[in-house]
Amino acid sequence: MNLPFKVDLSDKTVAITGGGGVLMSEFGKILASCDAKVALLDINDGAAKSAAQEIAREGGAAIGVKCDCLDRTSIEQAKEEIERAFGKVNFLINGAGGNNPRGTTDIEFMTKQVTDKKTFFDLDAQGLRFVFDLNILTAFLTTQVFARDMVEMGGGNIINISSMNAFRPLTKIPAYSAAKAGVSNFTQWLAVHFAPCNIRVNAIAPGFFVTNQNRGLLYSEDGRPTQRTEKILAHTPMGRFGEVCDLEGTLLFLASDEASGFVTGVIIPVDGGFSAYSGV
């Protein structure tokens, strides 16, 4: 795997939640190529196992583990499976998350004339709760389960996955925007709380990347960019979507105790300038 640089992660056992997804499975490949032992956790165990097998074919050490990150018992069972294969986890990436249509409006702006579209007033409270749980509660539960050993071992590393929505809430997706803002705030809280235990906690906030979850919002069935894509790219100074390779350097920097040993409580945007651009 061609990386911008390599770091020695041979002493790391990493658990990656959401490990069967596009970005997190690539994170697994990146870390395995630096000799970390990688456990990909996902409720879709087929996707997690397939990604782990691909890493293994390339010479890395990886397993796919079925895990419902909203269920503490499932997380604890996953932890036991990882320990049997690789030993105790000292590196956690909380990548599980996502949005839900029940927390999404059909329109950007509310007017008196809107009658046939889903507005803020039509949003489902259970949908909002699901989005919050999927992004914040998963990080809370997995950190509770895995960080206990880090405290006992005298150190560890946690990377949460935030979003551009944490910096600038996007139209139509209030639940996801608020949830990711919560992830960033939770990251800073954990960083302070765990600092005396030598556990670093940081977050990566990707800009716009095409994934399985958002592809239908960004491109029509015939492959043409949607109006939302045109808006996104118009407000991204670098004028393109991100590629996984754009995240490699940030991930490796935060993964390395030598490179970022005094870095904790930061949320790093990787967004092509989106968060810096006012639109004028």
C-alpha atoms as a PDB file:
ATOM      1  CA  MET A   1       0.000   0.000   0.000  1.00  0.00           C
ATOM      2  CA  ASN A   2       1.433   3.368  -1.028  1.00  0.00           C
ATOM      3  CA  LEU A   3       1.345   5.711   1.960  1.00  0.00           C
ATOM      4  CA  PRO A   4       2.649   9.283   2.285  1.00  0.00           C
ATOM      5  CA  PHE A   5       4.835   8.007   5.134  1.00  0.00           C
ATOM      6  CA  LYS A   6       4.923   5.009   7.447  1.00  0.00           C
ATOM      7  CA  VAL A   7       4.926   4.806  11.212  1.00  0.00           C
ATOM      8  CA  ASP A   8       5.681   1.831  13.433  1.00  0.00           C
ATOM      9  CA  LEU A   9       2.425   0.535  14.913  1.00  0.00           C
ATOM     10  CA  SER A  10       3.656  -2.966  15.673  1.00  0.00           C
ATOM     11  CA  ASP A  11       2.758  -2.471  19.341  1.00  0.00           C
ATOM     12  CA  LYS A  12      -0.840  -1.489  18.561  1.00  0.00           C
ATOM     13  CA  THR A  13      -3.988  -3.579  18.670  1.00  0.00           C
ATOM     14  CA  VAL A  14      -6.727  -1.442  17.161  1.00  0.00           C
ATOM     15  CA  ALA A  15     -10.486  -1.892  17.252  1.00  0.00           C
ATOM     16  CA  ILE A  16     -12.324   0.018  14.526  1.00  0.00           C
ATOM     17  CA  THR A  17     -16.098   0.341  14.805  1.00  0.00           C
ATOM     18  CA  GLY A  18     -18.001   0.711  11.562  1.00  0.00           C
ATOM     19  CA  GLY A  19     -15.128  -1.347  10.175  1.00  0.00           C
ATOM     20  CA  GLY A  20     -17.107  -2.777   7.277  1.00  0.00           C
ATOM     21  CA  GLY A  21     -17.766   0.652   5.762  1.00  0.00           C
ATOM     22  CA  VAL A  22     -15.866   2.379   2.980  1.00  0.00           C
ATOM     23  CA  LEU A  23     -13.728   4.726   5.083  1.00  0.00           C
ATOM     24  CA  MET A  24     -13.172   2.578   8.164  1.00  0.00           C
ATOM     25  CA  SER A  25     -12.200  -0.528   6.181  1.00  0.00           C
ATOM     26  CA  GLU A  26      -9.602   1.610   4.423  1.00  0.00           C
ATOM     27  CA  PHE A  27      -8.407   2.871   7.797  1.00  0.00           C
ATOM     28  CA  GLY A  28      -7.898  -0.761   8.723  1.00  0.00           C
ATOM     29  CA  LYS A  29      -5.768  -1.353   5.644  1.00  0.00           C
ATOM     30  CA  ILE A  30      -3.676   1.730   6.355  1.00  0.00           C
ATOM     31  CA  LEU A  31      -2.968   0.775   9.961  1.00  0.00           C
ATOM     32  CA  ALA A  32      -2.326  -2.881   9.121  1.00  0.00           C
ATOM     33  CA  SER A  33       0.229  -1.796   6.541  1.00  0.00           C
ATOM     34  CA  CYS A  34       2.081  -0.173   9.444  1.00  0.00           C
ATOM     35  CA  ASP A  35       2.010  -3.510  11.325  1.00  0.00           C
ATOM     36  CA  ALA A  36      -0.906  -2.819  13.670  1.00  0.00           C
ATOM     37  CA  LYS A  37      -3.160  -5.748  14.532  1.00  0.00           C
ATOM     38  CA  VAL A  38      -6.605  -4.714  13.317  1.00  0.00           C
ATOM     39  CA  ALA A  39     -10.095  -5.758  14.424  1.00  0.00           C
ATOM     40  CA  LEU A  40     -12.898  -4.474  12.220  1.00  0.00           C
ATOM     41  CA  LEU A  41     -16.160  -4.298  14.180  1.00  0.00           C
ATOM     42  CA  ASP A  42     -19.460  -3.975  12.364  1.00  0.00           C
ATOM     43  CA  ILE A  43     -23.067  -5.039  12.748  1.00  0.00           C
ATOM     44  CA  ASN A  44     -22.677  -6.255   9.152  1.00  0.00           C
ATOM     45  CA  ASP A  45     -20.218  -9.005   9.952  1.00  0.00           C
ATOM     46  CA  GLY A  46     -20.032 -10.069   6.311  1.00  0.00           C
ATOM     47  CA  ALA A  47     -18.631  -6.686   5.312  1.00  0.00           C
ATOM     48  CA  ALA A  48     -16.233  -6.660   8.268  1.00  0.00           C
ATOM     49  CA  LYS A  49     -14.952 -10.172   7.567  1.00  0.00           C
ATOM     50  CA  SER A  50     -14.560  -9.455   3.855  1.00  0.00           C
ATOM     51  CA  ALA A  51     -12.487  -6.337   4.597  1.00  0.00           C
ATOM     52  CA  ALA A  52     -10.373  -8.275   7.108  1.00  0.00           C
ATOM     53  CA  GLN A  53      -9.745 -11.041   4.587  1.00  0.00           C
ATOM     54  CA  GLU A  54      -8.536  -8.458   2.071  1.00  0.00           C
ATOM     55  CA  ILE A  55      -6.081  -7.113   4.647  1.00  0.00           C
ATOM     56  CA  ALA A  56      -4.887 -10.640   5.405  1.00  0.00           C
ATOM     57  CA  ARG A  57      -4.314 -11.354   1.706  1.00  0.00           C
ATOM     58  CA  GLU A  58      -1.998  -8.345   1.640  1.00  0.00           C
ATOM     59  CA  GLY A  59      -0.018  -9.733   4.579  1.00  0.00           C
ATOM     60  CA  GLY A  60      -1.650  -7.818   7.417  1.00  0.00           C
ATOM     61  CA  ALA A  61      -3.093  -9.102  10.675  1.00  0.00           C
ATOM     62  CA  ALA A  62      -6.848  -8.520  10.796  1.00  0.00           C
ATOM     63  CA  ILE A  63     -10.122 -10.052  11.899  1.00  0.00           C
ATOM     64  CA  GLY A  64     -13.729  -9.107  11.239  1.00  0.00           C
ATOM     65  CA  VAL A  65     -15.990  -9.151  14.284  1.00  0.00           C
ATOM     66  CA  LYS A  66     -19.763  -8.889  14.424  1.00  0.00           C
ATOM     67  CA  CYS A  67     -20.677  -6.120  16.846  1.00  0.00           C
ATOM     68  CA  ASP A  68     -23.740  -4.008  17.554  1.00  0.00           C
ATOM     69  CA  CYS A  69     -22.181  -0.882  19.011  1.00  0.00           C
ATOM     70  CA  LEU A  70     -25.508   0.124  20.563  1.00  0.00           C
ATOM     71  CA  ASP A  71     -25.432  -3.003  22.740  1.00  0.00           C
ATOM     72  CA  ARG A  72     -22.885  -3.173  25.563  1.00  0.00           C
ATOM     73  CA  THR A  73     -23.081  -6.967  25.732  1.00  0.00           C
ATOM     74  CA  SER A  74     -22.268  -7.218  22.030  1.00  0.00           C
ATOM     75  CA  ILE A  75     -19.295  -4.870  22.483  1.00  0.00           C
ATOM     76  CA  GLU A  76     -17.993  -6.880  25.420  1.00  0.00           C
ATOM     77  CA  GLN A  77     -18.286 -10.096  23.402  1.00  0.00           C
ATOM     78  CA  ALA A  78     -16.382  -8.446  20.551  1.00  0.00           C
ATOM     79  CA  LYS A  79     -13.699  -7.360  23.027  1.00  0.00           C
ATOM     80  CA  GLU A  80     -13.280 -10.951  24.202  1.00  0.00           C
ATOM     81  CA  GLU A  81     -12.935 -12.175  20.610  1.00  0.00           C
ATOM     82  CA  ILE A  82     -10.271  -9.557  19.881  1.00  0.00           C
ATOM     83  CA  GLU A  83      -8.318 -10.460  22.999  1.00  0.00           C
ATOM     84  CA  ARG A  84      -8.300 -14.124  22.024  1.00  0.00           C
ATOM     85  CA  ALA A  85      -6.835 -13.222  18.651  1.00  0.00           C
ATOM     86  CA  PHE A  86      -4.546 -10.275  19.380  1.00  0.00           C
ATOM     87  CA  GLY A  87      -4.515  -9.384  23.075  1.00  0.00           C
ATOM     88  CA  LYS A  88      -5.825  -6.245  24.748  1.00  0.00           C
ATOM     89  CA  VAL A  89      -6.864  -3.235  22.677  1.00  0.00           C
ATOM     90  CA  ASN A  90      -4.767  -0.098  23.162  1.00  0.00           C
ATOM     91  CA  PHE A  91      -6.067   1.856  20.158  1.00  0.00           C
ATOM     92  CA  LEU A  92      -9.743   2.527  19.421  1.00  0.00           C
ATOM     93  CA  ILE A  93     -11.299   4.236  16.422  1.00  0.00           C
ATOM     94  CA  ASN A  94     -14.968   5.118  16.886  1.00  0.00           C
ATOM     95  CA  GLY A  95     -16.097   5.114  13.268  1.00  0.00           C
ATOM     96  CA  ALA A  96     -19.653   3.809  13.679  1.00  0.00           C
ATOM     97  CA  GLY A  97     -22.225   6.455  12.806  1.00  0.00           C
ATOM     98  CA  GLY A  98     -24.551   7.745  10.151  1.00  0.00           C
ATOM     99  CA  ASN A  99     -27.798   9.546   9.421  1.00  0.00           C
ATOM    100  CA  ASN A 100     -31.425   8.479   9.073  1.00  0.00           C
ATOM    101  CA  PRO A 101     -34.210   9.823   6.823  1.00  0.00           C
ATOM    102  CA  ARG A 102     -36.465  10.266   9.870  1.00  0.00           C
ATOM    103  CA  GLY A 103     -34.113  13.016  11.057  1.00  0.00           C
ATOM    104  CA  THR A 104     -33.921  14.743   7.674  1.00  0.00           C
ATOM    105  CA  THR A 105     -36.129  17.448   6.136  1.00  0.00           C
ATOM    106  CA  ASP A 106     -37.062  17.667   2.462  1.00  0.00           C
ATOM    107  CA  ILE A 107     -36.436  21.402   2.286  1.00  0.00           C
ATOM    108  CA  GLU A 108     -33.653  23.792   3.217  1.00  0.00           C
ATOM    109  CA  PHE A 109     -35.798  26.764   4.247  1.00  0.00           C
ATOM    110  CA  MET A 110     -39.176  27.001   5.961  1.00  0.00           C
ATOM    111  CA  THR A 111     -41.878  29.246   4.494  1.00  0.00           C
ATOM    112  CA  LYS A 112     -45.593  29.641   5.094  1.00  0.00           C
ATOM    113  CA  GLN A 113     -46.276  28.265   1.637  1.00  0.00           C
ATOM    114  CA  VAL A 114     -44.684  24.849   2.261  1.00  0.00           C
ATOM    115  CA  THR A 115     -47.421  22.251   2.697  1.00  0.00           C
ATOM    116  CA  ASP A 116     -46.436  19.095   0.805  1.00  0.00           C
ATOM    117  CA  LYS A 117     -42.860  18.545   1.974  1.00  0.00           C
ATOM    118  CA  LYS A 118     -41.373  17.119   5.163  1.00  0.00           C
ATOM    119  CA  THR A 119     -40.414  20.098   7.304  1.00  0.00           C
ATOM    120  CA  PHE A 120     -38.838  20.485  10.712  1.00  0.00           C
ATOM    121  CA  PHE A 121     -42.286  20.069  12.257  1.00  0.00           C
ATOM    122  CA  ASP A 122     -42.684  16.648  10.669  1.00  0.00           C
ATOM    123  CA  LEU A 123     -39.464  15.139  11.977  1.00  0.00           C
ATOM    124  CA  ASP A 124     -39.773  11.960  14.010  1.00  0.00           C
ATOM    125  CA  ALA A 125     -38.416  12.185  17.562  1.00  0.00           C
ATOM    126  CA  GLN A 126     -37.491   8.506  17.426  1.00  0.00           C
ATOM    127  CA  GLY A 127     -35.532   9.183  14.248  1.00  0.00           C
ATOM    128  CA  LEU A 128     -33.564  11.949  15.920  1.00  0.00           C
ATOM    129  CA  ARG A 129     -32.933   9.713  18.918  1.00  0.00           C
ATOM    130  CA  PHE A 130     -31.653   6.949  16.632  1.00  0.00           C
ATOM    131  CA  VAL A 131     -29.200   9.313  14.915  1.00  0.00           C
ATOM    132  CA  PHE A 132     -27.926  10.597  18.254  1.00  0.00           C
ATOM    133  CA  ASP A 133     -27.512   7.063  19.554  1.00  0.00           C
ATOM    134  CA  LEU A 134     -25.803   5.881  16.373  1.00  0.00           C
ATOM    135  CA  ASN A 135     -23.171   8.610  16.571  1.00  0.00           C
ATOM    136  CA  ILE A 136     -22.788   9.519  20.248  1.00  0.00           C
ATOM    137  CA  LEU A 137     -24.004   6.543  22.259  1.00  0.00           C
ATOM    138  CA  THR A 138     -21.892   4.131  20.197  1.00  0.00           C
ATOM    139  CA  ALA A 139     -18.755   6.163  20.940  1.00  0.00           C
ATOM    140  CA  PHE A 140     -19.736   6.363  24.597  1.00  0.00           C
ATOM    141  CA  LEU A 141     -20.315   2.622  24.995  1.00  0.00           C
ATOM    142  CA  THR A 142     -17.287   1.418  23.045  1.00  0.00           C
ATOM    143  CA  THR A 143     -15.024   3.841  24.878  1.00  0.00           C
ATOM    144  CA  GLN A 144     -16.375   2.631  28.227  1.00  0.00           C
ATOM    145  CA  VAL A 145     -15.679  -0.984  27.273  1.00  0.00           C
ATOM    146  CA  PHE A 146     -12.245  -0.585  25.693  1.00  0.00           C
ATOM    147  CA  ALA A 147     -10.711   2.336  27.611  1.00  0.00           C
ATOM    148  CA  ARG A 148     -10.850   0.522  30.959  1.00  0.00           C
ATOM    149  CA  ASP A 149      -7.944  -1.684  29.846  1.00  0.00           C
ATOM    150  CA  MET A 150      -6.095   1.369  28.539  1.00  0.00           C
ATOM    151  CA  VAL A 151      -6.278   2.914  32.015  1.00  0.00           C
ATOM    152  CA  GLU A 152      -4.877  -0.272  33.539  1.00  0.00           C
ATOM    153  CA  MET A 153      -2.148  -0.526  30.881  1.00  0.00           C
ATOM    154  CA  GLY A 154      -1.070   3.064  31.466  1.00  0.00           C
ATOM    155  CA  GLY A 155      -1.899   4.524  28.065  1.00  0.00           C
ATOM    156  CA  GLY A 156      -3.854   4.329  24.861  1.00  0.00           C
ATOM    157  CA  ASN A 157      -5.134   6.161  21.835  1.00  0.00           C
ATOM    158  CA  ILE A 158      -8.711   6.959  20.814  1.00  0.00           C
ATOM    159  CA  ILE A 159      -9.728   8.587  17.546  1.00  0.00           C
ATOM    160  CA  ASN A 160     -13.352   9.600  17.019  1.00  0.00           C
ATOM    161  CA  ILE A 161     -14.849  10.366  13.629  1.00  0.00           C
ATOM    162  CA  SER A 162     -16.576  13.730  13.620  1.00  0.00           C
ATOM    163  CA  SER A 163     -17.723  15.654  10.531  1.00  0.00           C
ATOM    164  CA  MET A 164     -17.885  18.991   8.797  1.00  0.00           C
ATOM    165  CA  ASN A 165     -21.394  19.188  10.220  1.00  0.00           C
ATOM    166  CA  ALA A 166     -19.824  19.728  13.625  1.00  0.00           C
ATOM    167  CA  PHE A 167     -18.260  22.982  12.384  1.00  0.00           C
ATOM    168  CA  ARG A 168     -21.057  24.175  10.093  1.00  0.00           C
ATOM    169  CA  PRO A 169     -24.477  22.478  10.259  1.00  0.00           C
ATOM    170  CA  LEU A 170     -25.746  21.500   6.846  1.00  0.00           C
ATOM    171  CA  THR A 171     -29.280  22.179   5.710  1.00  0.00           C
ATOM    172  CA  LYS A 172     -31.829  19.325   5.849  1.00  0.00           C
ATOM    173  CA  ILE A 173     -29.928  17.164   8.375  1.00  0.00           C
ATOM    174  CA  PRO A 174     -30.384  18.703  11.842  1.00  0.00           C
ATOM    175  CA  ALA A 175     -30.067  15.420  13.745  1.00  0.00           C
ATOM    176  CA  TYR A 176     -26.792  14.396  12.117  1.00  0.00           C
ATOM    177  CA  SER A 177     -25.315  17.890  12.418  1.00  0.00           C
ATOM    178  CA  ALA A 178     -26.147  18.107  16.115  1.00  0.00           C
ATOM    179  CA  ALA A 179     -24.938  14.564  16.752  1.00  0.00           C
ATOM    180  CA  LYS A 180     -21.559  15.182  15.159  1.00  0.00           C
ATOM    181  CA  ALA A 181     -21.182  18.424  17.095  1.00  0.00           C
ATOM    182  CA  GLY A 182     -21.760  16.242  20.142  1.00  0.00           C
ATOM    183  CA  VAL A 183     -19.034  13.847  19.016  1.00  0.00           C
ATOM    184  CA  SER A 184     -16.541  16.713  18.801  1.00  0.00           C
ATOM    185  CA  ASN A 185     -17.509  18.003  22.239  1.00  0.00           C
ATOM    186  CA  PHE A 186     -17.363  14.478  23.694  1.00  0.00           C
ATOM    187  CA  THR A 187     -13.894  14.074  22.181  1.00  0.00           C
ATOM    188  CA  GLN A 188     -12.637  17.117  24.053  1.00  0.00           C
ATOM    189  CA  TRP A 189     -14.288  15.991  27.284  1.00  0.00           C
ATOM    190  CA  LEU A 190     -12.688  12.548  27.058  1.00  0.00           C
ATOM    191  CA  ALA A 191      -9.295  14.071  26.257  1.00  0.00           C
ATOM    192  CA  VAL A 192      -9.346  16.059  29.506  1.00  0.00           C
ATOM    193  CA  HIS A 193     -10.775  13.206  31.564  1.00  0.00           C
ATOM    194  CA  PHE A 194      -8.220  10.637  30.404  1.00  0.00           C
ATOM    195  CA  ALA A 195      -5.150  12.874  30.166  1.00  0.00           C
ATOM    196  CA  PRO A 196      -3.717  11.755  33.553  1.00  0.00           C
ATOM    197  CA  CYS A 197      -3.960   8.143  32.313  1.00  0.00           C
ATOM    198  CA  ASN A 198      -1.825   8.886  29.244  1.00  0.00           C
ATOM    199  CA  ILE A 199      -4.762   8.200  26.917  1.00  0.00           C
ATOM    200  CA  ARG A 200      -4.932  10.590  23.990  1.00  0.00           C
ATOM    201  CA  VAL A 201      -8.346  11.349  22.461  1.00  0.00           C
ATOM    202  CA  ASN A 202      -8.678  13.226  19.178  1.00  0.00           C
ATOM    203  CA  ALA A 203     -11.058  13.366  16.231  1.00  0.00           C
ATOM    204  CA  ILE A 204     -10.883  13.550  12.472  1.00  0.00           C
ATOM    205  CA  ALA A 205     -13.601  15.604  10.800  1.00  0.00           C
ATOM    206  CA  PRO A 206     -13.820  14.572   7.138  1.00  0.00           C
ATOM    207  CA  GLY A 207     -15.325  16.936   4.632  1.00  0.00           C
ATOM    208  CA  PHE A 208     -17.280  15.442   1.772  1.00  0.00           C
ATOM    209  CA  PHE A 209     -16.387  11.917   0.746  1.00  0.00           C
ATOM    210  CA  VAL A 210     -18.541   9.635  -1.394  1.00  0.00           C
ATOM    211  CA  THR A 211     -19.619   6.599   0.652  1.00  0.00           C
ATOM    212  CA  ASN A 212     -22.285   3.944   0.400  1.00  0.00           C
ATOM    213  CA  GLN A 213     -24.476   5.952   2.771  1.00  0.00           C
ATOM    214  CA  ASN A 214     -24.482   9.229   0.841  1.00  0.00           C
ATOM    215  CA  ARG A 215     -23.976   8.148  -2.761  1.00  0.00           C
ATOM    216  CA  GLY A 216     -27.695   8.385  -3.521  1.00  0.00           C
ATOM    217  CA  LEU A 217     -27.773  11.985  -2.267  1.00  0.00           C
ATOM    218  CA  LEU A 218     -24.763  13.032  -4.311  1.00  0.00           C
ATOM    219  CA  TYR A 219     -25.410  11.308  -7.626  1.00  0.00           C
ATOM    220  CA  SER A 220     -28.547  10.399  -9.556  1.00  0.00           C
ATOM    221  CA  GLU A 221     -29.113   6.842 -10.772  1.00  0.00           C
ATOM    222  CA  ASP A 222     -27.566   7.688 -14.136  1.00  0.00           C
ATOM    223  CA  GLY A 223     -24.416   9.008 -12.447  1.00  0.00           C
ATOM    224  CA  ARG A 224     -25.049  12.711 -12.820  1.00  0.00           C
ATOM    225  CA  PRO A 225     -24.198  14.985  -9.861  1.00  0.00           C
ATOM    226  CA  THR A 226     -27.222  16.178  -7.927  1.00  0.00           C
ATOM    227  CA  GLN A 227     -27.983  19.779  -7.071  1.00  0.00           C
ATOM    228  CA  ARG A 228     -26.644  19.128  -3.577  1.00  0.00           C
ATOM    229  CA  THR A 229     -23.337  17.958  -5.055  1.00  0.00           C
ATOM    230  CA  GLU A 230     -23.104  21.153  -7.087  1.00  0.00           C
ATOM    231  CA  LYS A 231     -23.629  23.211  -3.930  1.00  0.00           C
ATOM    232  CA  ILE A 232     -21.058  21.219  -1.983  1.00  0.00           C
ATOM    233  CA  LEU A 233     -18.373  21.564  -4.613  1.00  0.00           C
ATOM    234  CA  ALA A 234     -19.139  25.264  -5.084  1.00  0.00           C
ATOM    235  CA  HIS A 235     -18.385  25.753  -1.386  1.00  0.00           C
ATOM    236  CA  THR A 236     -15.286  23.558  -1.312  1.00  0.00           C
ATOM    237  CA  PRO A 237     -12.346  25.751  -2.402  1.00  0.00           C
ATOM    238  CA  MET A 238     -10.420  22.741  -3.714  1.00  0.00           C
ATOM    239  CA  GLY A 239     -13.420  21.922  -5.915  1.00  0.00           C
ATOM    240  CA  ARG A 240     -13.657  18.159  -5.429  1.00  0.00           C
ATOM    241  CA  PHE A 241     -14.764  15.409  -3.099  1.00  0.00           C
ATOM    242  CA  GLY A 242     -12.197  13.893  -0.782  1.00  0.00           C
ATOM    243  CA  GLU A 243     -10.510  10.566  -1.476  1.00  0.00           C
ATOM    244  CA  VAL A 244      -9.503   8.080   1.194  1.00  0.00           C
ATOM    245  CA  CYS A 245      -5.862   8.869   0.490  1.00  0.00           C
ATOM    246  CA  ASP A 246      -6.555  12.427   1.664  1.00  0.00           C
ATOM    247  CA  LEU A 247      -7.136  11.047   5.172  1.00  0.00           C
ATOM    248  CA  GLU A 248      -4.029   8.872   5.346  1.00  0.00           C
ATOM    249  CA  GLY A 249      -1.586  11.452   6.644  1.00  0.00           C
ATOM    250  CA  THR A 250      -3.898  12.738   9.369  1.00  0.00           C
ATOM    251  CA  LEU A 251      -4.713   9.205  10.503  1.00  0.00           C
ATOM    252  CA  LEU A 252      -1.062   8.163  10.652  1.00  0.00           C
ATOM    253  CA  PHE A 253      -0.068  11.357  12.472  1.00  0.00           C
ATOM    254  CA  LEU A 254      -2.686  10.784  15.183  1.00  0.00           C
ATOM    255  CA  ALA A 255      -1.971   7.043  15.312  1.00  0.00           C
ATOM    256  CA  SER A 256       1.708   7.571  16.096  1.00  0.00           C
ATOM    257  CA  ASP A 257       2.639   8.267  19.699  1.00  0.00           C
ATOM    258  CA  GLU A 258       5.991   9.562  18.469  1.00  0.00           C
ATOM    259  CA  ALA A 259       4.459  12.023  15.993  1.00  0.00           C
ATOM    260  CA  SER A 260       1.539  13.269  18.115  1.00  0.00           C
ATOM    261  CA  GLY A 261       2.330  12.253  21.675  1.00  0.00           C
ATOM    262  CA  PHE A 262       1.458  15.705  23.029  1.00  0.00           C
ATOM    263  CA  VAL A 263      -1.659  16.115  20.879  1.00  0.00           C
ATOM    264  CA  THR A 264      -4.996  15.482  22.560  1.00  0.00           C
ATOM    265  CA  GLY A 265      -8.443  17.073  22.432  1.00  0.00           C
ATOM    266  CA  VAL A 266      -8.183  18.321  18.844  1.00  0.00           C
ATOM    267  CA  ILE A 267     -10.648  17.915  15.978  1.00  0.00           C
ATOM    268  CA  ILE A 268      -8.812  18.035  12.662  1.00  0.00           C
ATOM    269  CA  PRO A 269     -10.843  18.978   9.564  1.00  0.00           C
ATOM    270  CA  VAL A 270      -9.867  17.280   6.300  1.00  0.00           C
ATOM    271  CA  ASP A 271     -12.225  19.131   4.020  1.00  0.00           C
ATOM    272  CA  GLY A 272     -10.579  20.871   1.074  1.00  0.00           C
ATOM    273  CA  GLY A 273     -11.175  24.233   2.740  1.00  0.00           C
ATOM    274  CA  PHE A 274     -14.951  23.879   3.195  1.00  0.00           C
ATOM    275  CA  SER A 275     -14.953  24.970   6.851  1.00  0.00           C
ATOM    276  CA  ALA A 276     -12.840  28.045   6.047  1.00  0.00           C
ATOM    277  CA  TYR A 277     -14.965  29.344   3.151  1.00  0.00           C
ATOM    278  CA  SER A 278     -17.794  31.791   3.855  1.00  0.00           C
ATOM    279  CA  GLY A 279     -19.241  31.531   0.353  1.00  0.00           C
ATOM    280  CA  VAL A 280     -18.223  35.056  -0.655  1.00  0.00           C
END
